């Protein structure tokens, strides 16, 4: 309404008698109101017209950062602490600024023996005008890496946005451009088949139910990008029976791609995942040397409740509907035999508690998985395999 009055104000004021003093106040109010309205509109336009986040150049070369990563690992090893490298976490700008970069959070990393974390960045917040490509690359982890290059590893944005879920153009093209720049040591986690978490199930967040085939066009582009650049990527791909053949097809088609499958041993719908057994996993790892798993998975006795109510992690010794805190012998044997094919992860993301609270539980679970393994396997899974994936070299103290 005010916009309409402002548009007609010049004509209305022209034809109003100057002697009509009773209208003077109204005219002044209208003029002031129109001025404020125009100013507000200008401000709104300026804010809405801002581009997605500007590129943030890195302050350190890759060799400089790798030297800092090495020193950070040595810091813990010199104290007889096996350091952890987390390759599977995602963080938003708000979480990074309000939580991650706070002194008490950084101190907690030291207390828990968490040496390095590769946080995927979420896409940038949406302004009034979205970029033509439809995806807003987030640069907040560039800022975190510049501030703490000895703690954080630059990962590309995660494939979890609506743009990725609907397989639109934008995210995959930007990922290709960004990764080929040489700034990133690892690509983020890309969701192909993703079940709802318990909280998402309760909230009926059906948008988080993701079902994209690995051999869809964007899947081929992602595997090809890893094969071309040597940069590893993570994928969330529930190991359903109908998907395992496609997984093997893609691993065979792109033998130089370095693929990390998230959440080893997490089976939330056993009726759909009957093929995932210790024997199958052993054959998979023996056949495809470019496949890795992360051990960001459930603690003993964790229940998945989303229409069904079942234990969701198979690596623990199970009796009836309970689990002990010891590894199932068959899976323990796999961790030992293929100790060069697993990496650590903590799976931080949206809707999680504060990092200082979240990390304690996740680190306890990671160390519980490692507890009964030989020393060589402990060191391999905790940090050595991640180091080699990130740098292409064996870790040498």
Protein backbone atom coordinates (compact mmCIF):
# COMPACT_ATOMS: atom_id res chain seq x y z
CA UNK A 1 0.00 0.00 0.00
CA UNK A 2 2.80 2.41 0.88
CA UNK A 3 4.47 1.64 -2.43
CA UNK A 4 1.28 2.60 -4.27
CA UNK A 5 0.96 5.88 -2.35
CA UNK A 6 4.60 6.70 -2.96
CA UNK A 7 4.23 6.09 -6.67
CA UNK A 8 1.29 8.53 -6.88
CA UNK A 9 2.67 11.05 -4.34
CA UNK A 10 4.06 13.59 -6.84
CA UNK A 11 0.70 13.90 -8.61
CA UNK A 12 -1.24 14.00 -5.32
CA UNK A 13 0.98 16.73 -3.85
CA UNK A 14 0.79 18.83 -7.01
CA UNK A 15 -2.98 19.07 -6.93
CA UNK A 16 -3.31 19.76 -3.22
CA UNK A 17 -3.94 23.37 -2.20
CA UNK A 18 -1.18 24.98 -0.17
CA UNK A 19 -3.87 26.59 2.02
CA UNK A 20 -5.04 23.22 3.22
CA UNK A 21 -2.81 23.29 6.26
CA UNK A 22 -4.57 20.34 7.76
CA UNK A 23 -2.93 18.26 5.04
CA UNK A 24 0.58 19.53 5.64
CA UNK A 25 1.34 17.01 8.37
CA UNK A 26 -0.01 14.17 6.26
CA UNK A 27 2.12 15.25 3.31
CA UNK A 28 5.25 15.44 5.44
CA UNK A 29 4.61 12.00 6.88
CA UNK A 30 4.07 10.63 3.39
CA UNK A 31 7.30 12.18 2.09
CA UNK A 32 9.30 10.82 5.02
CA UNK A 33 7.65 7.42 4.67
CA UNK A 34 8.43 7.25 0.97
CA UNK A 35 12.04 8.22 1.61
CA UNK A 36 12.42 5.52 4.25
CA UNK A 37 10.70 2.98 2.02
CA UNK A 38 13.06 3.79 -0.86
CA UNK A 39 16.09 3.55 1.44
CA UNK A 40 14.95 0.23 2.82
CA UNK A 41 14.37 -1.08 -0.68
CA UNK A 42 17.86 0.03 -1.71
CA UNK A 43 19.40 -1.73 1.29
CA UNK A 44 17.37 -4.87 0.64
CA UNK A 45 18.45 -4.83 -3.00
CA UNK A 46 22.08 -4.43 -2.10
CA UNK A 47 21.96 -7.29 0.40
CA UNK A 48 19.93 -9.56 -1.86
CA UNK A 49 22.19 -8.87 -4.81
CA UNK A 50 25.32 -10.03 -3.00
CA UNK A 51 26.93 -12.95 -4.71
CA UNK A 52 27.52 -16.24 -2.99
CA UNK A 53 30.54 -16.18 -0.72
CA UNK A 54 33.66 -14.80 -2.36
CA UNK A 55 36.58 -17.11 -2.92
CA UNK A 56 38.98 -17.16 0.02
CA UNK A 57 42.56 -17.80 -1.13
CA UNK A 58 44.62 -20.16 0.98
CA UNK A 59 47.54 -18.59 2.84
CA UNK A 60 49.71 -21.70 2.78
CA UNK A 61 51.00 -23.98 0.06
CA UNK A 62 50.20 -27.68 0.16
CA UNK A 63 53.76 -28.52 1.19
CA UNK A 64 53.58 -26.00 4.04
CA UNK A 65 50.30 -27.44 5.26
CA UNK A 66 51.52 -31.01 5.03
CA UNK A 67 54.55 -30.08 7.13
CA UNK A 68 52.20 -28.66 9.77
CA UNK A 69 50.03 -31.80 9.64
CA UNK A 70 53.14 -33.93 10.16
CA UNK A 71 54.23 -31.85 13.15
CA UNK A 72 50.76 -32.14 14.65
CA UNK A 73 50.81 -35.93 14.37
CA UNK A 74 54.29 -36.05 15.87
CA UNK A 75 53.06 -33.91 18.79
CA UNK A 76 50.73 -36.73 19.87
CA UNK A 77 53.04 -39.61 19.01
CA UNK A 78 55.75 -38.06 21.17
CA UNK A 79 53.27 -38.25 24.06
CA UNK A 80 52.48 -41.93 23.28
CA UNK A 81 48.99 -41.00 22.08
CA UNK A 82 47.75 -42.53 18.83
CA UNK A 83 46.42 -39.49 16.93
CA UNK A 84 43.17 -39.54 14.98
CA UNK A 85 42.51 -38.02 11.57
CA UNK A 86 38.79 -37.50 10.98
CA UNK A 87 37.96 -37.69 7.26
CA UNK A 88 34.19 -37.73 7.60
CA UNK A 89 32.53 -34.63 9.07
CA UNK A 90 30.52 -31.72 7.69
CA UNK A 91 30.09 -28.25 9.15
CA UNK A 92 28.08 -25.12 8.37
CA UNK A 93 29.38 -21.56 8.56
CA UNK A 94 27.40 -20.93 11.75
CA UNK A 95 28.75 -24.07 13.42
CA UNK A 96 32.31 -23.19 12.39
CA UNK A 97 32.13 -19.62 13.69
CA UNK A 98 30.09 -20.24 16.85
CA UNK A 99 31.64 -23.52 17.94
CA UNK A 100 34.60 -24.93 16.01
CA UNK A 101 36.91 -21.92 16.23
CA UNK A 102 36.35 -21.27 19.94
CA UNK A 103 39.39 -21.79 22.23
CA UNK A 104 37.66 -24.41 24.40
CA UNK A 105 36.78 -26.44 21.28
CA UNK A 106 40.32 -26.40 19.99
CA UNK A 107 41.56 -27.42 23.44
CA UNK A 108 39.15 -30.38 23.42
CA UNK A 109 40.75 -31.61 20.19
CA UNK A 110 44.06 -31.76 22.02
CA UNK A 111 42.57 -33.50 25.05
CA UNK A 112 40.99 -36.21 22.89
CA UNK A 113 43.96 -36.81 20.62
CA UNK A 114 42.18 -35.57 17.50
CA UNK A 115 45.03 -34.35 15.34
CA UNK A 116 43.35 -33.34 12.10
CA UNK A 117 39.82 -32.99 10.73
CA UNK A 118 38.71 -32.70 7.11
CA UNK A 119 35.43 -30.83 7.47
CA UNK A 120 33.27 -30.64 4.35
CA UNK A 121 31.76 -27.18 3.98
CA UNK A 122 28.03 -26.73 3.48
CA UNK A 123 26.97 -24.49 0.63
CA UNK A 124 26.84 -20.76 1.35
CA UNK A 125 23.63 -19.21 2.76
CA UNK A 126 21.15 -18.17 0.12
CA UNK A 127 20.79 -14.50 -0.79
CA UNK A 128 17.82 -12.93 -2.57
CA UNK A 129 19.30 -13.65 -6.00
CA UNK A 130 20.77 -17.09 -6.40
CA UNK A 131 23.74 -17.48 -8.77
CA UNK A 132 22.77 -18.68 -12.25
CA UNK A 133 24.43 -22.03 -11.74
CA UNK A 134 22.10 -22.79 -8.83
CA UNK A 135 24.73 -23.74 -6.26
CA UNK A 136 26.55 -21.44 -3.83
CA UNK A 137 30.03 -22.74 -3.04
CA UNK A 138 30.89 -22.37 0.64
CA UNK A 139 34.31 -21.02 1.60
CA UNK A 140 34.06 -20.97 5.40
CA UNK A 141 36.47 -23.87 5.82
CA UNK A 142 39.03 -21.95 3.78
CA UNK A 143 38.93 -19.39 6.57
CA UNK A 144 39.28 -22.08 9.24
CA UNK A 145 42.23 -23.68 7.42
CA UNK A 146 43.93 -20.29 7.08
CA UNK A 147 43.50 -19.74 10.82
CA UNK A 148 44.57 -23.26 11.88
CA UNK A 149 46.41 -25.04 9.06
CA UNK A 150 47.83 -27.50 11.58
CA UNK A 151 44.37 -28.74 12.60
CA UNK A 152 42.06 -28.62 9.58
CA UNK A 153 42.34 -30.19 6.14
CA UNK A 154 40.55 -28.49 3.27
CA UNK A 155 37.79 -30.68 1.84
CA UNK A 156 35.46 -29.74 -0.98
CA UNK A 157 31.81 -28.96 -0.29
CA UNK A 158 29.66 -31.96 0.62
CA UNK A 159 27.22 -33.50 -1.83
CA UNK A 160 24.21 -33.12 0.46
CA UNK A 161 22.40 -30.05 -0.89
CA UNK A 162 19.09 -30.04 -2.74
CA UNK A 163 21.06 -29.25 -5.90
CA UNK A 164 22.97 -32.52 -5.51
CA UNK A 165 19.98 -34.57 -4.34
CA UNK A 166 17.98 -33.55 -7.41
CA UNK A 167 21.06 -34.02 -9.62
CA UNK A 168 20.81 -30.57 -11.12
CA UNK A 169 23.67 -28.81 -12.83
CA UNK A 170 25.77 -26.53 -10.67
CA UNK A 171 27.26 -28.50 -7.81
CA UNK A 172 29.03 -31.15 -9.88
CA UNK A 173 30.47 -28.57 -12.30
CA UNK A 174 31.75 -26.42 -9.45
CA UNK A 175 33.20 -29.48 -7.72
CA UNK A 176 35.15 -30.33 -10.88
CA UNK A 177 36.50 -26.79 -11.17
CA UNK A 178 37.33 -26.47 -7.49
CA UNK A 179 39.05 -29.83 -7.15
CA UNK A 180 41.14 -29.30 -10.28
CA UNK A 181 42.44 -26.06 -8.73
CA UNK A 182 44.70 -28.15 -6.49
CA UNK A 183 43.52 -26.55 -3.26
CA UNK A 184 41.73 -29.60 -1.87
CA UNK A 185 43.32 -32.68 -0.33
CA UNK A 186 40.02 -34.57 -0.28
CA UNK A 187 36.50 -34.25 -1.62
CA UNK A 188 33.49 -34.08 0.65
CA UNK A 189 30.95 -36.79 1.39
CA UNK A 190 28.52 -37.33 -1.49
CA UNK A 191 25.20 -38.95 -0.72
CA UNK A 192 23.93 -41.57 -3.15
CA UNK A 193 21.72 -43.79 -0.99
CA UNK A 194 20.91 -42.25 2.37
CA UNK A 195 18.36 -43.45 4.91
CA UNK A 196 16.71 -41.05 7.30
CA UNK A 197 18.37 -40.67 10.67
CA UNK A 198 16.19 -41.29 13.71
CA UNK A 199 15.63 -37.56 14.20
CA UNK A 200 14.87 -37.02 10.51
CA UNK A 201 12.43 -39.91 10.68
CA UNK A 202 10.63 -38.40 13.66
CA UNK A 203 10.50 -35.03 11.92
CA UNK A 204 9.35 -36.69 8.66
CA UNK A 205 12.25 -35.06 6.81
CA UNK A 206 11.58 -36.99 3.63
CA UNK A 207 13.88 -34.65 1.72
CA UNK A 208 16.77 -36.45 3.44
CA UNK A 209 15.85 -39.79 1.87
CA UNK A 210 18.34 -39.87 -1.00
CA UNK A 211 18.28 -42.42 -3.80
CA UNK A 212 20.79 -41.78 -6.59
CA UNK A 213 22.46 -44.58 -8.52
CA UNK A 214 26.26 -44.65 -8.47
CA UNK A 215 26.28 -45.06 -12.24
CA UNK A 216 24.08 -42.00 -12.85
CA UNK A 217 25.85 -39.29 -14.94
CA UNK A 218 27.02 -37.34 -11.88
CA UNK A 219 28.34 -40.53 -10.33
CA UNK A 220 30.48 -41.15 -13.40
CA UNK A 221 31.73 -37.55 -13.27
CA UNK A 222 32.67 -37.89 -9.61
CA UNK A 223 34.54 -41.17 -10.08
CA UNK A 224 36.26 -39.76 -13.17
CA UNK A 225 37.29 -36.63 -11.27
CA UNK A 226 38.92 -38.70 -8.55
CA UNK A 227 40.65 -40.90 -11.12
CA UNK A 228 41.99 -37.86 -12.99
CA UNK A 229 43.19 -35.87 -9.98
CA UNK A 230 44.04 -38.61 -7.51
CA UNK A 231 41.90 -36.83 -4.91
CA UNK A 232 39.83 -39.26 -2.77
CA UNK A 233 36.14 -38.75 -2.09
CA UNK A 234 33.70 -40.09 0.47
CA UNK A 235 30.30 -41.45 -0.38
CA UNK A 236 27.28 -42.35 1.69
CA UNK A 237 25.82 -45.34 -0.10
CA UNK A 238 23.83 -47.76 2.04
CA UNK A 239 25.07 -51.24 1.04
CA UNK A 240 21.78 -52.58 -0.23
CA UNK A 241 21.88 -55.85 -2.16
CA UNK A 242 20.65 -54.15 -5.35
CA UNK A 243 23.46 -51.57 -5.14
CA UNK A 244 26.49 -53.75 -4.58
CA UNK A 245 26.76 -54.84 -8.22
CA UNK A 246 26.72 -51.17 -9.28
CA UNK A 247 29.39 -50.39 -6.71
CA UNK A 248 31.63 -53.08 -8.14
CA UNK A 249 30.91 -51.91 -11.67
CA UNK A 250 32.06 -48.37 -10.85
CA UNK A 251 35.12 -49.47 -8.87
CA UNK A 252 36.16 -51.64 -11.80
CA UNK A 253 35.49 -48.92 -14.39
CA UNK A 254 37.56 -46.33 -12.50
CA UNK A 255 40.45 -48.24 -10.89
CA UNK A 256 42.38 -45.02 -10.24
CA UNK A 257 39.49 -43.41 -8.34
CA UNK A 258 40.04 -43.46 -4.59
CA UNK A 259 36.71 -44.16 -2.93
CA UNK A 260 35.91 -44.09 0.79
CA UNK A 261 32.62 -45.74 1.72
CA UNK A 262 31.20 -44.16 4.88
CA UNK A 263 29.91 -45.97 7.99
CA UNK A 264 31.40 -49.44 7.74
CA UNK A 265 29.11 -52.12 9.16
CA UNK A 266 26.05 -49.87 9.52
CA UNK A 267 23.08 -51.95 8.32
CA UNK A 268 19.78 -50.31 9.15
CA UNK A 269 17.49 -52.46 6.99
CA UNK A 270 18.91 -56.01 7.18
CA UNK A 271 16.25 -57.35 4.85
CA UNK A 272 17.66 -55.14 2.08
CA UNK A 273 21.30 -55.77 2.98
CA UNK A 274 21.71 -59.53 3.19
CA UNK A 275 24.77 -59.68 0.91
CA UNK A 276 26.92 -57.51 3.16
CA UNK A 277 28.74 -60.18 5.18
CA UNK A 278 32.35 -60.62 6.32
CA UNK A 279 32.99 -62.96 3.39
CA UNK A 280 31.60 -60.45 0.90
CA UNK A 281 33.58 -57.57 2.43
CA UNK A 282 36.78 -59.60 2.27
CA UNK A 283 36.21 -60.38 -1.42
CA UNK A 284 35.36 -56.73 -2.13
CA UNK A 285 38.55 -55.44 -0.51
CA UNK A 286 40.68 -58.12 -2.14
CA UNK A 287 39.27 -57.35 -5.59
CA UNK A 288 39.23 -53.54 -5.56
CA UNK A 289 42.35 -51.93 -4.07
CA UNK A 290 40.84 -48.47 -4.68
CA UNK A 291 38.09 -49.02 -2.08
CA UNK A 292 38.36 -47.84 1.52
CA UNK A 293 35.90 -47.72 4.41
CA UNK A 294 35.60 -45.31 7.30
CA UNK A 295 34.74 -46.57 10.77
CA UNK A 296 32.32 -43.80 11.64
CA UNK A 297 29.69 -46.23 12.82
CA UNK A 298 27.47 -47.10 15.76
CA UNK A 299 28.52 -47.90 19.29
CA UNK A 300 27.65 -51.32 20.81
CA UNK A 301 23.93 -51.73 21.28
CA UNK A 302 22.87 -48.74 19.18
CA UNK A 303 19.26 -49.06 18.06
CA UNK A 304 17.90 -47.61 14.82
CA UNK A 305 14.25 -46.67 15.24
CA UNK A 306 12.50 -45.55 12.05
CA UNK A 307 9.43 -47.70 11.61
CA UNK A 308 11.53 -50.63 12.74
CA UNK A 309 13.58 -50.98 15.89
CA UNK A 310 16.76 -52.95 15.37
CA UNK A 311 20.46 -52.97 16.19
CA UNK A 312 22.13 -51.15 13.30
CA UNK A 313 25.84 -51.99 13.57
CA UNK A 314 27.14 -55.47 12.78
CA UNK A 315 30.81 -55.19 13.79
CA UNK A 316 30.11 -55.90 17.49
CA UNK A 317 29.67 -59.33 19.06
CA UNK A 318 25.91 -59.85 19.13
CA UNK A 319 23.75 -62.10 21.27
CA UNK A 320 20.00 -61.96 20.70
CA UNK A 321 19.17 -58.23 20.81
CA UNK A 322 22.23 -57.10 22.76
CA UNK A 323 25.85 -56.41 21.88
CA UNK A 324 29.07 -56.47 23.82
CA UNK A 325 31.89 -53.95 23.52
CA UNK A 326 34.14 -56.42 21.74
CA UNK A 327 34.46 -56.74 17.99
CA UNK A 328 32.82 -59.65 16.21
CA UNK A 329 35.74 -62.03 15.47
CA UNK A 330 34.98 -62.11 11.74
CA UNK A 331 35.05 -58.32 11.43
CA UNK A 332 38.06 -58.02 13.71
CA UNK A 333 39.90 -60.35 11.34
CA UNK A 334 39.02 -58.04 8.43
CA UNK A 335 40.33 -54.99 10.30
CA UNK A 336 43.60 -56.85 10.89
CA UNK A 337 43.99 -58.36 7.41
CA UNK A 338 43.03 -55.14 5.61
CA UNK A 339 44.27 -52.62 8.14
CA UNK A 340 45.52 -50.45 5.27
CA UNK A 341 41.96 -49.93 3.95
CA UNK A 342 40.14 -48.26 6.83
CA UNK A 343 40.16 -44.67 8.06
CA UNK A 344 38.65 -42.85 11.03
CA UNK A 345 35.63 -40.55 10.92
CA UNK A 346 33.37 -38.85 13.46
CA UNK A 347 30.37 -37.93 11.29
CA UNK A 348 29.72 -34.45 12.66
CA UNK A 349 26.96 -32.57 10.85
CA UNK A 350 23.76 -30.60 11.14
CA UNK A 351 21.59 -31.05 14.20
CA UNK A 352 24.46 -32.42 16.30
CA UNK A 353 25.32 -31.29 19.87
CA UNK A 354 28.18 -28.89 20.49
CA UNK A 355 31.47 -30.31 19.29
CA UNK A 356 33.00 -30.66 22.76
CA UNK A 357 30.10 -32.93 23.77
CA UNK A 358 29.80 -34.75 20.45
CA UNK A 359 33.49 -35.53 20.07
CA UNK A 360 33.81 -37.30 23.42
CA UNK A 361 31.28 -39.97 22.50
CA UNK A 362 32.59 -40.43 18.96
CA UNK A 363 36.25 -40.61 19.99
CA UNK A 364 35.41 -43.13 22.70
CA UNK A 365 33.75 -45.32 20.06
CA UNK A 366 36.65 -45.02 17.62
CA UNK A 367 39.13 -46.01 20.29
CA UNK A 368 36.89 -48.88 21.34
CA UNK A 369 37.00 -50.23 17.78
CA UNK A 370 40.79 -49.92 17.76
CA UNK A 371 41.29 -51.23 21.31
CA UNK A 372 41.78 -54.93 20.62
CA UNK A 373 43.62 -54.61 17.31
CA UNK A 374 47.38 -55.09 16.90
CA UNK A 375 49.49 -51.93 17.22
CA UNK A 376 50.18 -51.80 13.49
CA UNK A 377 46.47 -51.88 12.67
CA UNK A 378 45.68 -49.23 15.29
CA UNK A 379 48.16 -46.79 13.79
CA UNK A 380 47.13 -47.58 10.22
CA UNK A 381 43.43 -46.97 10.79
CA UNK A 382 43.80 -44.02 13.15
CA UNK A 383 45.99 -41.83 10.92
CA UNK A 384 48.46 -43.55 8.57
CA UNK A 385 45.93 -44.54 5.89
CA UNK A 386 44.37 -41.07 5.94
CA UNK A 387 47.83 -39.52 5.62
CA UNK A 388 48.59 -41.62 2.55
CA UNK A 389 45.23 -40.83 0.93
CA UNK A 390 45.78 -37.11 1.53
CA UNK A 391 49.45 -36.88 0.55
CA UNK A 392 50.15 -39.92 -1.62
CA UNK A 393 53.01 -40.90 0.69
CA UNK A 394 53.55 -43.28 3.58
CA UNK A 395 53.80 -41.57 6.94
CA UNK A 396 57.35 -41.53 8.26
CA UNK A 397 57.91 -40.25 11.82
